[in-house]
Each structure stands twice: as C-alpha cells, then as structure tokens.
Amino acid sequence: MASQLAPVLQSRHIVHSIPGPRSRQLQEERNSEVTSAFGAALPVFIDRAEGGILQDVDGNRIIDFASGIAVTSVGATNAFVQAQVAAQLDRFTHTCFMVTEYEGFTE
C-alpha cells in the first residue's frame, strides 16, 4: 500500500508564521463550531504526518513532540503498521475486548 504522496521531509521547516493563514481560517471555523472546552496546545491544523514530522495545512513542517501512544514508538504513517491495519480492516474494524475477545489483541 504505497502512498501516492511525496514523502514528508524529516526536517523542521517554517514557511509561514505559526499559525499560518489557512490554520487561522480553520481556527475561526473551529471556534464557531466546536466548544471552547476542547483546546489545542499548538494553533496549527495538521495536513500530513510521517516519521517524527507533522506538516500543517500551510506547509510548515514541525517536530512531533506529542505523537501519543499510538505512534510514538513507530512514527507516523509507518508502512508496517499501515499494512497490518489494512489487513485487519478486511476482518473487522473494532470490538470491545472486554466483551468479546479476539486473538489480535494479545499479539
């Protein structure tokens, strides 16, 4: 499952001040549609991620210091993980392991 997108370069690169114009526009839309109880530490909207770099909608590339438990050890858009997810989606998308167990949970 190879991506048709050009790779995200693994370097920090700032094209626009943060937040950039598109992120500011999206923030205005967000503020009118989403409760202020949900906040974000960085005022950018991410378009893509690869490895340890996030690329925002304005073309800025920033280091991902907050990837979370799902990607912190393998990087974003890891090819092996993508292949495993695609294979799992052919079987089923989700079930609660505490209700009905499945073998993949223990792998």
PDB file of N, CA and C in Angstrom:
ATOM      1  N   MET A   1       0.847  -1.176   0.000  1.00  0.00           N
ATOM      2  CA  MET A   1       0.000   0.000   0.000  1.00  0.00           C
ATOM      3  C   MET A   1       0.891   1.238   0.000  1.00  0.00           C
ATOM      4  N   ALA A   2       1.552   1.496  -1.087  1.00  0.00           N
ATOM      5  CA  ALA A   2       2.455   2.638  -1.196  1.00  0.00           C
ATOM      6  C   ALA A   2       1.661   3.925  -1.389  1.00  0.00           C
ATOM      7  N   SER A   3       2.116   4.969  -0.735  1.00  0.00           N
ATOM      8  CA  SER A   3       1.465   6.268  -0.844  1.00  0.00           C
ATOM      9  C   SER A   3       1.777   6.907  -2.188  1.00  0.00           C
ATOM     10  N   GLN A   4       0.803   7.611  -2.737  1.00  0.00           N
ATOM     11  CA  GLN A   4       0.996   8.367  -3.968  1.00  0.00           C
ATOM     12  C   GLN A   4       1.515   9.775  -3.665  1.00  0.00           C
ATOM     13  N   LEU A   5       1.610  10.115  -2.381  1.00  0.00           N
ATOM     14  CA  LEU A   5       2.065  11.438  -1.966  1.00  0.00           C
ATOM     15  C   LEU A   5       3.584  11.467  -1.867  1.00  0.00           C
ATOM     16  N   ALA A   6       4.158  12.620  -2.109  1.00  0.00           N
ATOM     17  CA  ALA A   6       5.599  12.785  -1.909  1.00  0.00           C
ATOM     18  C   ALA A   6       5.908  12.632  -0.424  1.00  0.00           C
ATOM     19  N   PRO A   7       7.054  12.079  -0.076  1.00  0.00           N
ATOM     20  CA  PRO A   7       7.372  11.907   1.342  1.00  0.00           C
ATOM     21  C   PRO A   7       7.475  13.252   2.067  1.00  0.00           C
ATOM     22  N   VAL A   8       7.138  13.235   3.343  1.00  0.00           N
ATOM     23  CA  VAL A   8       7.318  14.413   4.185  1.00  0.00           C
ATOM     24  C   VAL A   8       8.784  14.415   4.616  1.00  0.00           C
ATOM     25  N   LEU A   9       9.511  15.453   4.247  1.00  0.00           N
ATOM     26  CA  LEU A   9      10.922  15.531   4.619  1.00  0.00           C
ATOM     27  C   LEU A   9      11.062  15.540   6.135  1.00  0.00           C
ATOM     28  N   GLN A  10      12.042  14.831   6.646  1.00  0.00           N
ATOM     29  CA  GLN A  10      12.225  14.693   8.084  1.00  0.00           C
ATOM     30  C   GLN A  10      13.117  15.809   8.625  1.00  0.00           C
ATOM     31  N   SER A  11      12.633  17.027   8.450  1.00  0.00           N
ATOM     32  CA  SER A  11      13.335  18.201   8.956  1.00  0.00           C
ATOM     33  C   SER A  11      12.318  19.284   9.286  1.00  0.00           C
ATOM     34  N   ARG A  12      12.685  20.129  10.234  1.00  0.00           N
ATOM     35  CA  ARG A  12      11.834  21.254  10.601  1.00  0.00           C
ATOM     36  C   ARG A  12      11.997  22.330   9.531  1.00  0.00           C
ATOM     37  N   HIS A  13      10.869  22.901   9.081  1.00  0.00           N
ATOM     38  CA  HIS A  13      10.914  23.939   8.051  1.00  0.00           C
ATOM     39  C   HIS A  13       9.684  24.825   8.212  1.00  0.00           C
ATOM     40  N   ILE A  14       9.901  26.101   8.427  1.00  0.00           N
ATOM     41  CA  ILE A  14       8.794  27.033   8.634  1.00  0.00           C
ATOM     42  C   ILE A  14       8.629  27.891   7.380  1.00  0.00           C
ATOM     43  N   VAL A  15       7.471  27.775   6.741  1.00  0.00           N
ATOM     44  CA  VAL A  15       7.139  28.530   5.532  1.00  0.00           C
ATOM     45  C   VAL A  15       6.406  29.817   5.897  1.00  0.00           C
ATOM     46  N   HIS A  16       5.432  29.702   6.802  1.00  0.00           N
ATOM     47  CA  HIS A  16       4.620  30.827   7.266  1.00  0.00           C
ATOM     48  C   HIS A  16       4.767  30.938   8.771  1.00  0.00           C
ATOM     49  N   SER A  17       4.514  32.126   9.298  1.00  0.00           N
ATOM     50  CA  SER A  17       4.468  32.261  10.748  1.00  0.00           C
ATOM     51  C   SER A  17       3.378  31.335  11.272  1.00  0.00           C
ATOM     52  N   ILE A  18       3.526  30.922  12.509  1.00  0.00           N
ATOM     53  CA  ILE A  18       2.562  29.993  13.110  1.00  0.00           C
ATOM     54  C   ILE A  18       1.642  30.788  14.022  1.00  0.00           C
ATOM     55  N   PRO A  19       0.330  30.698  13.831  1.00  0.00           N
ATOM     56  CA  PRO A  19      -0.350  29.922  12.802  1.00  0.00           C
ATOM     57  C   PRO A  19      -0.309  30.630  11.450  1.00  0.00           C
ATOM     58  N   GLY A  20      -0.287  29.831  10.404  1.00  0.00           N
ATOM     59  CA  GLY A  20      -0.311  30.355   9.043  1.00  0.00           C
ATOM     60  C   GLY A  20      -1.721  30.757   8.639  1.00  0.00           C
ATOM     61  N   PRO A  21      -1.895  31.308   7.459  1.00  0.00           N
ATOM     62  CA  PRO A  21      -3.204  31.812   7.030  1.00  0.00           C
ATOM     63  C   PRO A  21      -4.296  30.742   6.969  1.00  0.00           C
ATOM     64  N   ARG A  22      -3.990  29.569   6.457  1.00  0.00           N
ATOM     65  CA  ARG A  22      -5.010  28.510   6.370  1.00  0.00           C
ATOM     66  C   ARG A  22      -5.363  28.000   7.763  1.00  0.00           C
ATOM     67  N   SER A  23      -4.367  27.842   8.640  1.00  0.00           N
ATOM     68  CA  SER A  23      -4.653  27.417  10.017  1.00  0.00           C
ATOM     69  C   SER A  23      -5.511  28.447  10.734  1.00  0.00           C
ATOM     70  N   ARG A  24      -5.243  29.734  10.516  1.00  0.00           N
ATOM     71  CA  ARG A  24      -6.074  30.778  11.140  1.00  0.00           C
ATOM     72  C   ARG A  24      -7.513  30.692  10.649  1.00  0.00           C
ATOM     73  N   GLN A  25      -7.689  30.461   9.354  1.00  0.00           N
ATOM     74  CA  GLN A  25      -9.032  30.326   8.787  1.00  0.00           C
ATOM     75  C   GLN A  25      -9.750  29.121   9.404  1.00  0.00           C
ATOM     76  N   LEU A  26      -9.058  28.000   9.483  1.00  0.00           N
ATOM     77  CA  LEU A  26      -9.665  26.802  10.074  1.00  0.00           C
ATOM     78  C   LEU A  26      -9.959  27.002  11.557  1.00  0.00           C
ATOM     79  N   GLN A  27      -9.111  27.762  12.254  1.00  0.00           N
ATOM     80  CA  GLN A  27      -9.350  28.039  13.669  1.00  0.00           C
ATOM     81  C   GLN A  27     -10.620  28.857  13.846  1.00  0.00           C
ATOM     82  N   GLU A  28     -10.865  29.812  12.962  1.00  0.00           N
ATOM     83  CA  GLU A  28     -12.104  30.591  13.029  1.00  0.00           C
ATOM     84  C   GLU A  28     -13.318  29.688  12.838  1.00  0.00           C
ATOM     85  N   GLU A  29     -13.248  28.780  11.871  1.00  0.00           N
ATOM     86  CA  GLU A  29     -14.344  27.825  11.654  1.00  0.00           C
ATOM     87  C   GLU A  29     -14.520  26.937  12.880  1.00  0.00           C
ATOM     88  N   ARG A  30     -13.407  26.455  13.417  1.00  0.00           N
ATOM     89  CA  ARG A  30     -13.459  25.599  14.599  1.00  0.00           C
ATOM     90  C   ARG A  30     -14.116  26.337  15.759  1.00  0.00           C
ATOM     91  N   ASN A  31     -13.723  27.589  15.988  1.00  0.00           N
ATOM     92  CA  ASN A  31     -14.270  28.361  17.101  1.00  0.00           C
ATOM     93  C   ASN A  31     -15.776  28.547  16.986  1.00  0.00           C
ATOM     94  N   SER A  32     -16.303  28.590  15.765  1.00  0.00           N
ATOM     95  CA  SER A  32     -17.745  28.770  15.600  1.00  0.00           C
ATOM     96  C   SER A  32     -18.513  27.454  15.688  1.00  0.00           C
ATOM     97  N   GLU A  33     -17.818  26.329  15.591  1.00  0.00           N
ATOM     98  CA  GLU A  33     -18.499  25.033  15.541  1.00  0.00           C
ATOM     99  C   GLU A  33     -18.203  24.101  16.717  1.00  0.00           C
ATOM    100  N   VAL A  34     -17.093  24.307  17.412  1.00  0.00           N
ATOM    101  CA  VAL A  34     -16.652  23.371  18.452  1.00  0.00           C
ATOM    102  C   VAL A  34     -16.555  24.106  19.781  1.00  0.00           C
ATOM    103  N   THR A  35     -16.988  23.460  20.843  1.00  0.00           N
ATOM    104  CA  THR A  35     -16.934  24.064  22.169  1.00  0.00           C
ATOM    105  C   THR A  35     -15.508  24.465  22.538  1.00  0.00           C
ATOM    106  N   SER A  36     -15.388  25.544  23.290  1.00  0.00           N
ATOM    107  CA  SER A  36     -14.072  26.002  23.731  1.00  0.00           C
ATOM    108  C   SER A  36     -13.501  25.111  24.831  1.00  0.00           C
ATOM    109  N   ALA A  37     -14.286  24.147  25.309  1.00  0.00           N
ATOM    110  CA  ALA A  37     -13.781  23.205  26.311  1.00  0.00           C
ATOM    111  C   ALA A  37     -12.673  22.324  25.742  1.00  0.00           C
ATOM    112  N   PHE A  38     -12.654  22.153  24.425  1.00  0.00           N
ATOM    113  CA  PHE A  38     -11.595  21.396  23.766  1.00  0.00           C
ATOM    114  C   PHE A  38     -10.573  22.382  23.227  1.00  0.00           C
ATOM    115  N   GLY A  39      -9.357  22.258  23.683  1.00  0.00           N
ATOM    116  CA  GLY A  39      -8.318  23.162  23.227  1.00  0.00           C
ATOM    117  C   GLY A  39      -7.145  22.395  22.650  1.00  0.00           C
ATOM    118  N   ALA A  40      -6.251  23.112  22.024  1.00  0.00           N
ATOM    119  CA  ALA A  40      -5.040  22.510  21.472  1.00  0.00           C
ATOM    120  C   ALA A  40      -3.847  23.348  21.905  1.00  0.00           C
ATOM    121  N   ALA A  41      -2.723  22.700  22.125  1.00  0.00           N
ATOM    122  CA  ALA A  41      -1.522  23.398  22.569  1.00  0.00           C
ATOM    123  C   ALA A  41      -0.893  24.222  21.457  1.00  0.00           C
ATOM    124  N   LEU A  42      -1.013  23.766  20.238  1.00  0.00           N
ATOM    125  CA  LEU A  42      -0.381  24.449  19.108  1.00  0.00           C
ATOM    126  C   LEU A  42      -1.463  24.872  18.118  1.00  0.00           C
ATOM    127  N   PRO A  43      -1.485  26.141  17.725  1.00  0.00           N
ATOM    128  CA  PRO A  43      -2.569  26.646  16.877  1.00  0.00           C
ATOM    129  C   PRO A  43      -2.371  26.356  15.388  1.00  0.00           C
ATOM    130  N   VAL A  44      -2.134  25.103  15.047  1.00  0.00           N
ATOM    131  CA  VAL A  44      -1.990  24.714  13.643  1.00  0.00           C
ATOM    132  C   VAL A  44      -2.919  23.546  13.356  1.00  0.00           C
ATOM    133  N   PHE A  45      -3.232  23.357  12.091  1.00  0.00           N
ATOM    134  CA  PHE A  45      -4.029  22.219  11.649  1.00  0.00           C
ATOM    135  C   PHE A  45      -3.124  21.345  10.792  1.00  0.00           C
ATOM    136  N   ILE A  46      -3.000  20.092  11.165  1.00  0.00           N
ATOM    137  CA  ILE A  46      -2.079  19.173  10.505  1.00  0.00           C
ATOM    138  C   ILE A  46      -2.721  18.592   9.253  1.00  0.00           C
ATOM    139  N   ASP A  47      -1.960  18.576   8.184  1.00  0.00           N
ATOM    140  CA  ASP A  47      -2.397  18.001   6.916  1.00  0.00           C
ATOM    141  C   ASP A  47      -1.849  16.593   6.740  1.00  0.00           C
ATOM    142  N   ARG A  48      -0.593  16.391   7.118  1.00  0.00           N
ATOM    143  CA  ARG A  48       0.064  15.089   6.953  1.00  0.00           C
ATOM    144  C   ARG A  48       1.061  14.885   8.081  1.00  0.00           C
ATOM    145  N   ALA A  49       1.421  13.644   8.279  1.00  0.00           N
ATOM    146  CA  ALA A  49       2.467  13.307   9.241  1.00  0.00           C
ATOM    147  C   ALA A  49       3.236  12.116   8.709  1.00  0.00           C
ATOM    148  N   GLU A  50       4.521  12.116   8.968  1.00  0.00           N
ATOM    149  CA  GLU A  50       5.354  10.991   8.562  1.00  0.00           C
ATOM    150  C   GLU A  50       6.559  10.956   9.483  1.00  0.00           C
ATOM    151  N   GLY A  51       6.888   9.754   9.958  1.00  0.00           N
ATOM    152  CA  GLY A  51       8.014   9.635  10.879  1.00  0.00           C
ATOM    153  C   GLY A  51       7.791  10.505  12.097  1.00  0.00           C
ATOM    154  N   GLY A  52       8.705  11.423  12.353  1.00  0.00           N
ATOM    155  CA  GLY A  52       8.600  12.309  13.506  1.00  0.00           C
ATOM    156  C   GLY A  52       8.249  13.735  13.146  1.00  0.00           C
ATOM    157  N   ILE A  53       7.696  13.946  11.947  1.00  0.00           N
ATOM    158  CA  ILE A  53       7.397  15.299  11.475  1.00  0.00           C
ATOM    159  C   ILE A  53       5.912  15.442  11.155  1.00  0.00           C
ATOM    160  N   LEU A  54       5.348  16.576  11.569  1.00  0.00           N
ATOM    161  CA  LEU A  54       3.984  16.958  11.214  1.00  0.00           C
ATOM    162  C   LEU A  54       4.070  18.072  10.178  1.00  0.00           C
ATOM    163  N   GLN A  55       3.230  18.007   9.164  1.00  0.00           N
ATOM    164  CA  GLN A  55       3.166  19.083   8.169  1.00  0.00           C
ATOM    165  C   GLN A  55       1.786  19.709   8.252  1.00  0.00           C
ATOM    166  N   ASP A  56       1.746  21.013   8.492  1.00  0.00           N
ATOM    167  CA  ASP A  56       0.446  21.662   8.644  1.00  0.00           C
ATOM    168  C   ASP A  56      -0.126  22.087   7.295  1.00  0.00           C
ATOM    169  N   VAL A  57      -1.342  22.603   7.333  1.00  0.00           N
ATOM    170  CA  VAL A  57      -2.052  22.975   6.109  1.00  0.00           C
ATOM    171  C   VAL A  57      -1.400  24.148   5.382  1.00  0.00           C
ATOM    172  N   ASP A  58      -0.478  24.824   6.041  1.00  0.00           N
ATOM    173  CA  ASP A  58       0.241  25.941   5.433  1.00  0.00           C
ATOM    174  C   ASP A  58       1.612  25.536   4.904  1.00  0.00           C
ATOM    175  N   GLY A  59       1.969  24.260   5.036  1.00  0.00           N
ATOM    176  CA  GLY A  59       3.251  23.781   4.534  1.00  0.00           C
ATOM    177  C   GLY A  59       4.382  23.800   5.539  1.00  0.00           C
ATOM    178  N   ASN A  60       4.118  24.255   6.766  1.00  0.00           N
ATOM    179  CA  ASN A  60       5.142  24.216   7.808  1.00  0.00           C
ATOM    180  C   ASN A  60       5.385  22.777   8.237  1.00  0.00           C
ATOM    181  N   ARG A  61       6.648  22.421   8.452  1.00  0.00           N
ATOM    182  CA  ARG A  61       6.988  21.108   8.999  1.00  0.00           C
ATOM    183  C   ARG A  61       7.540  21.324  10.399  1.00  0.00           C
ATOM    184  N   ILE A  62       6.920  20.654  11.366  1.00  0.00           N
ATOM    185  CA  ILE A  62       7.334  20.794  12.757  1.00  0.00           C
ATOM    186  C   ILE A  62       7.598  19.420  13.350  1.00  0.00           C
ATOM    187  N   ILE A  63       8.448  19.384  14.368  1.00  0.00           N
ATOM    188  CA  ILE A  63       8.768  18.129  15.037  1.00  0.00           C
ATOM    189  C   ILE A  63       7.575  17.706  15.883  1.00  0.00           C
ATOM    190  N   ASP A  64       7.212  16.435  15.812  1.00  0.00           N
ATOM    191  CA  ASP A  64       6.073  15.893  16.555  1.00  0.00           C
ATOM    192  C   ASP A  64       6.530  15.487  17.951  1.00  0.00           C
ATOM    193  N   PHE A  65       6.361  16.403  18.900  1.00  0.00           N
ATOM    194  CA  PHE A  65       6.720  16.114  20.285  1.00  0.00           C
ATOM    195  C   PHE A  65       5.556  15.533  21.079  1.00  0.00           C
ATOM    196  N   ALA A  66       4.402  15.356  20.468  1.00  0.00           N
ATOM    197  CA  ALA A  66       3.221  14.895  21.189  1.00  0.00           C
ATOM    198  C   ALA A  66       2.468  13.846  20.391  1.00  0.00           C
ATOM    199  N   SER A  67       3.174  12.897  19.837  1.00  0.00           N
ATOM    200  CA  SER A  67       2.556  11.918  18.939  1.00  0.00           C
ATOM    201  C   SER A  67       1.541  11.028  19.629  1.00  0.00           C
ATOM    202  N   GLY A  68       1.686  10.802  20.902  1.00  0.00           N
ATOM    203  CA  GLY A  68       0.753   9.950  21.614  1.00  0.00           C
ATOM    204  C   GLY A  68       1.145   8.487  21.539  1.00  0.00           C
ATOM    205  N   ILE A  69       0.463   7.676  22.321  1.00  0.00           N
ATOM    206  CA  ILE A  69       0.853   6.276  22.464  1.00  0.00           C
ATOM    207  C   ILE A  69       0.697   5.468  21.193  1.00  0.00           C
ATOM    208  N   ALA A  70      -0.124   5.911  20.269  1.00  0.00           N
ATOM    209  CA  ALA A  70      -0.368   5.115  19.067  1.00  0.00           C
ATOM    210  C   ALA A  70       0.778   5.170  18.070  1.00  0.00           C
ATOM    211  N   VAL A  71       1.564   6.233  18.062  1.00  0.00           N
ATOM    212  CA  VAL A  71       2.626   6.337  17.058  1.00  0.00           C
ATOM    213  C   VAL A  71       3.998   6.671  17.617  1.00  0.00           C
ATOM    214  N   THR A  72       4.103   6.928  18.902  1.00  0.00           N
ATOM    215  CA  THR A  72       5.372   7.429  19.430  1.00  0.00           C
ATOM    216  C   THR A  72       6.551   6.492  19.206  1.00  0.00           C
ATOM    217  N   SER A  73       6.332   5.196  19.187  1.00  0.00           N
ATOM    218  CA  SER A  73       7.459   4.269  19.039  1.00  0.00           C
ATOM    219  C   SER A  73       7.723   3.855  17.597  1.00  0.00           C
ATOM    220  N   VAL A  74       6.807   4.111  16.681  1.00  0.00           N
ATOM    221  CA  VAL A  74       7.000   3.674  15.291  1.00  0.00           C
ATOM    222  C   VAL A  74       6.980   4.822  14.294  1.00  0.00           C
ATOM    223  N   GLY A  75       6.555   6.007  14.691  1.00  0.00           N
ATOM    224  CA  GLY A  75       6.462   7.136  13.771  1.00  0.00           C
ATOM    225  C   GLY A  75       5.140   7.129  13.025  1.00  0.00           C
ATOM    226  N   ALA A  76       4.774   8.284  12.540  1.00  0.00           N
ATOM    227  CA  ALA A  76       3.513   8.420  11.804  1.00  0.00           C
ATOM    228  C   ALA A  76       3.620   7.758  10.437  1.00  0.00           C
ATOM    229  N   THR A  77       2.527   7.221   9.966  1.00  0.00           N
ATOM    230  CA  THR A  77       2.391   6.549   8.661  1.00  0.00           C
ATOM    231  C   THR A  77       3.447   5.477   8.429  1.00  0.00           C
ATOM    232  N   ASN A  78       3.731   4.713   9.470  1.00  0.00           N
ATOM    233  CA  ASN A  78       4.681   3.604   9.376  1.00  0.00           C
ATOM    234  C   ASN A  78       4.127   2.547   8.421  1.00  0.00           C
ATOM    235  N   ALA A  79       4.916   2.134   7.433  1.00  0.00           N
ATOM    236  CA  ALA A  79       4.448   1.211   6.388  1.00  0.00           C
ATOM    237  C   ALA A  79       3.998  -0.130   6.958  1.00  0.00           C
ATOM    238  N   PHE A  80       4.719  -0.672   7.932  1.00  0.00           N
ATOM    239  CA  PHE A  80       4.331  -1.954   8.526  1.00  0.00           C
ATOM    240  C   PHE A  80       2.984  -1.827   9.235  1.00  0.00           C
ATOM    241  N   VAL A  81       2.821  -0.761  10.003  1.00  0.00           N
ATOM    242  CA  VAL A  81       1.563  -0.549  10.725  1.00  0.00           C
ATOM    243  C   VAL A  81       0.419  -0.362   9.737  1.00  0.00           C
ATOM    244  N   GLN A  82       0.633   0.399   8.671  1.00  0.00           N
ATOM    245  CA  GLN A  82      -0.411   0.591   7.664  1.00  0.00           C
ATOM    246  C   GLN A  82      -0.844  -0.741   7.055  1.00  0.00           C
ATOM    247  N   ALA A  83       0.107  -1.612   6.761  1.00  0.00           N
ATOM    248  CA  ALA A  83      -0.229  -2.915   6.178  1.00  0.00           C
ATOM    249  C   ALA A  83      -1.029  -3.759   7.157  1.00  0.00           C
ATOM    250  N   GLN A  84      -0.654  -3.732   8.433  1.00  0.00           N
ATOM    251  CA  GLN A  84      -1.378  -4.502   9.437  1.00  0.00           C
ATOM    252  C   GLN A  84      -2.795  -3.968   9.636  1.00  0.00           C
ATOM    253  N   VAL A  85      -2.948  -2.659   9.624  1.00  0.00           N
ATOM    254  CA  VAL A  85      -4.282  -2.052   9.755  1.00  0.00           C
ATOM    255  C   VAL A  85      -5.148  -2.432   8.563  1.00  0.00           C
ATOM    256  N   ALA A  86      -4.596  -2.356   7.360  1.00  0.00           N
ATOM    257  CA  ALA A  86      -5.364  -2.720   6.161  1.00  0.00           C
ATOM    258  C   ALA A  86      -5.824  -4.167   6.234  1.00  0.00           C
ATOM    259  N   ALA A  87      -4.944  -5.062   6.683  1.00  0.00           N
ATOM    260  CA  ALA A  87      -5.316  -6.475   6.811  1.00  0.00           C
ATOM    261  C   ALA A  87      -6.424  -6.651   7.841  1.00  0.00           C
ATOM    262  N   GLN A  88      -6.340  -5.927   8.953  1.00  0.00           N
ATOM    263  CA  GLN A  88      -7.363  -6.038   9.990  1.00  0.00           C
ATOM    264  C   GLN A  88      -8.698  -5.497   9.507  1.00  0.00           C
ATOM    265  N   LEU A  89      -8.689  -4.422   8.735  1.00  0.00           N
ATOM    266  CA  LEU A  89      -9.939  -3.844   8.243  1.00  0.00           C
ATOM    267  C   LEU A  89     -10.708  -4.814   7.359  1.00  0.00           C
ATOM    268  N   ASP A  90     -10.010  -5.735   6.735  1.00  0.00           N
ATOM    269  CA  ASP A  90     -10.687  -6.763   5.943  1.00  0.00           C
ATOM    270  C   ASP A  90     -11.445  -7.742   6.831  1.00  0.00           C
ATOM    271  N   ARG A  91     -11.047  -7.852   8.102  1.00  0.00           N
ATOM    272  CA  ARG A  91     -11.670  -8.812   9.022  1.00  0.00           C
ATOM    273  C   ARG A  91     -12.799  -8.163   9.832  1.00  0.00           C
ATOM    274  N   PHE A  92     -12.492  -7.147  10.597  1.00  0.00           N
ATOM    275  CA  PHE A  92     -13.473  -6.334  11.323  1.00  0.00           C
ATOM    276  C   PHE A  92     -12.762  -5.094  11.835  1.00  0.00           C
ATOM    277  N   THR A  93     -13.537  -4.027  12.075  1.00  0.00           N
ATOM    278  CA  THR A  93     -12.906  -2.776  12.477  1.00  0.00           C
ATOM    279  C   THR A  93     -12.696  -2.664  13.977  1.00  0.00           C
ATOM    280  N   HIS A  94     -13.641  -3.107  14.775  1.00  0.00           N
ATOM    281  CA  HIS A  94     -13.486  -2.960  16.218  1.00  0.00           C
ATOM    282  C   HIS A  94     -14.498  -3.832  16.946  1.00  0.00           C
ATOM    283  N   THR A  95     -14.080  -4.335  18.057  1.00  0.00           N
ATOM    284  CA  THR A  95     -14.972  -4.930  19.037  1.00  0.00           C
ATOM    285  C   THR A  95     -14.324  -4.729  20.395  1.00  0.00           C
ATOM    286  N   CYS A  96     -15.108  -4.620  21.421  1.00  0.00           N
ATOM    287  CA  CYS A  96     -14.575  -4.394  22.759  1.00  0.00           C
ATOM    288  C   CYS A  96     -14.019  -5.703  23.308  1.00  0.00           C
ATOM    289  N   PHE A  97     -12.728  -5.735  23.566  1.00  0.00           N
ATOM    290  CA  PHE A  97     -12.058  -6.942  24.051  1.00  0.00           C
ATOM    291  C   PHE A  97     -12.646  -7.412  25.382  1.00  0.00           C
ATOM    292  N   MET A  98     -13.208  -6.497  26.169  1.00  0.00           N
ATOM    293  CA  MET A  98     -13.788  -6.876  27.459  1.00  0.00           C
ATOM    294  C   MET A  98     -15.139  -7.560  27.298  1.00  0.00           C
ATOM    295  N   VAL A  99     -15.710  -7.514  26.096  1.00  0.00           N
ATOM    296  CA  VAL A  99     -16.983  -8.182  25.825  1.00  0.00           C
ATOM    297  C   VAL A  99     -16.753  -9.440  24.999  1.00  0.00           C
ATOM    298  N   THR A 100     -16.098  -9.301  23.876  1.00  0.00           N
ATOM    299  CA  THR A 100     -15.767 -10.449  23.028  1.00  0.00           C
ATOM    300  C   THR A 100     -14.289 -10.388  22.675  1.00  0.00           C
ATOM    301  N   GLU A 101     -13.549 -11.371  23.124  1.00  0.00           N
ATOM    302  CA  GLU A 101     -12.105 -11.373  22.920  1.00  0.00           C
ATOM    303  C   GLU A 101     -11.742 -11.756  21.487  1.00  0.00           C
ATOM    304  N   TYR A 102     -10.556 -11.346  21.070  1.00  0.00           N
ATOM    305  CA  TYR A 102     -10.049 -11.719  19.753  1.00  0.00           C
ATOM    306  C   TYR A 102      -8.529 -11.855  19.839  1.00  0.00           C
ATOM    307  N   GLU A 103      -8.000 -12.731  19.014  1.00  0.00           N
ATOM    308  CA  GLU A 103      -6.593 -13.102  19.086  1.00  0.00           C
ATOM    309  C   GLU A 103      -5.642 -11.920  18.876  1.00  0.00           C
ATOM    310  N   GLY A 104      -5.956 -11.034  17.960  1.00  0.00           N
ATOM    311  CA  GLY A 104      -5.070  -9.925  17.653  1.00  0.00           C
ATOM    312  C   GLY A 104      -4.775  -9.016  18.832  1.00  0.00           C
ATOM    313  N   PHE A 105      -5.682  -8.959  19.805  1.00  0.00           N
ATOM    314  CA  PHE A 105      -5.474  -8.103  20.973  1.00  0.00           C
ATOM    315  C   PHE A 105      -4.253  -8.538  21.763  1.00  0.00           C
ATOM    316  N   THR A 106      -3.987  -9.821  21.774  1.00  0.00           N
ATOM    317  CA  THR A 106      -2.874 -10.344  22.566  1.00  0.00           C
ATOM    318  C   THR A 106      -1.558 -10.361  21.804  1.00  0.00           C
ATOM    319  N   GLU A 107      -1.600 -10.073  20.510  1.00  0.00           N
ATOM    320  CA  GLU A 107      -0.362 -10.105  19.712  1.00  0.00           C
ATOM    321  C   GLU A 107       0.506  -8.894  19.963  1.00  0.00           C
TER     322      GLU A 107
END
